[in-house]
Amino acid sequence: MVRSDKTLEIRGVLSPRAETIAMKTLTALTPGEVLTIITRDVAASEKLLFLCGNLGCVMVDKKEEGGTISVQIRR
């Protein structure tokens, strides 16, 4: 994992609300900053890749451990 500028903890939030929260947080970052999103919703983690493409962001890492999914996205 790379250095993160901000962490978004949304383990209890389900799709599509999780993507909405992630999108608002990503758009508030400055270009080059990295957001780490922590979730347990597999559907939300998969939709984050689509979200990245729409916002012009890049998914730099994705890790699953013990039912928790960590996704890092560079704005």
Protein backbone atom coordinates (compact mmCIF):
# COMPACT_ATOMS: atom_id res chain seq x y z
CA MET A 1 0.00 0.00 0.00
CA VAL A 2 1.10 3.53 -0.73
CA ARG A 3 0.99 6.52 1.62
CA SER A 4 -2.55 7.73 2.09
CA ASP A 5 -3.59 11.36 2.43
CA LYS A 6 -7.08 10.56 3.71
CA THR A 7 -8.92 7.47 4.97
CA LEU A 8 -12.63 6.85 4.49
CA GLU A 9 -14.10 4.24 6.85
CA ILE A 10 -17.39 2.95 5.40
CA ARG A 11 -17.55 -0.64 6.70
CA GLY A 12 -21.21 -0.38 7.71
CA VAL A 13 -22.36 1.44 4.56
CA LEU A 14 -23.74 -0.58 1.65
CA SER A 15 -23.79 0.06 -2.08
CA PRO A 16 -24.88 2.46 -3.66
CA ARG A 17 -24.56 4.82 -0.68
CA ALA A 18 -20.91 3.78 -0.27
CA GLU A 19 -20.04 4.92 -3.81
CA THR A 20 -21.81 8.25 -3.27
CA ILE A 21 -19.78 8.93 -0.13
CA ALA A 22 -16.55 7.86 -1.87
CA MET A 23 -17.28 10.09 -4.87
CA LYS A 24 -17.88 13.16 -2.70
CA THR A 25 -14.69 12.49 -0.76
CA LEU A 26 -12.62 11.92 -3.92
CA THR A 27 -13.80 15.10 -5.60
CA ALA A 28 -12.77 17.09 -2.51
CA LEU A 29 -9.16 15.87 -2.81
CA THR A 30 -6.54 17.73 -4.81
CA PRO A 31 -4.96 15.96 -7.80
CA GLY A 32 -2.25 13.53 -6.71
CA GLU A 33 -3.70 12.84 -3.26
CA VAL A 34 -4.50 9.24 -2.29
CA LEU A 35 -7.70 8.15 -0.59
CA THR A 36 -7.90 4.84 1.27
CA ILE A 37 -11.41 3.43 1.43
CA ILE A 38 -12.16 0.69 3.95
CA THR A 39 -15.33 -1.34 3.37
CA ARG A 40 -16.84 -4.78 3.87
CA ASP A 41 -19.23 -4.50 0.92
CA VAL A 42 -17.82 -6.47 -2.02
CA ALA A 43 -20.24 -4.82 -4.48
CA ALA A 44 -19.12 -1.36 -3.41
CA SER A 45 -15.45 -2.25 -3.75
CA GLU A 46 -16.03 -3.52 -7.30
CA LYS A 47 -18.00 -0.43 -8.30
CA LEU A 48 -15.15 1.79 -7.10
CA LEU A 49 -13.16 0.78 -10.17
CA PHE A 50 -15.96 2.10 -12.40
CA LEU A 51 -16.12 5.25 -10.26
CA CYS A 52 -12.38 5.78 -10.78
CA GLY A 53 -12.81 5.77 -14.54
CA ASN A 54 -15.65 8.28 -14.41
CA LEU A 55 -13.71 10.69 -12.21
CA GLY A 56 -10.35 10.28 -13.97
CA CYS A 57 -8.80 8.68 -10.89
CA VAL A 58 -6.53 5.63 -10.65
CA MET A 59 -6.94 2.67 -8.32
CA VAL A 60 -3.42 2.10 -7.01
CA ASP A 61 -4.04 -0.82 -4.64
CA LYS A 62 -6.74 -3.18 -3.44
CA LYS A 63 -6.32 -5.58 -0.54
CA GLU A 64 -8.76 -7.97 1.13
CA GLU A 65 -8.04 -9.28 4.60
CA GLY A 66 -10.40 -10.86 7.11
CA GLY A 67 -13.56 -9.68 5.37
CA THR A 68 -12.33 -6.08 5.16
CA ILE A 69 -11.47 -4.57 1.80
CA SER A 70 -9.03 -1.66 1.51
CA VAL A 71 -8.95 0.25 -1.76
CA GLN A 72 -6.51 3.07 -2.51
CA ILE A 73 -7.41 5.60 -5.18
CA ARG A 74 -5.20 8.43 -6.47
CA ARG A 75 -7.10 11.56 -7.50
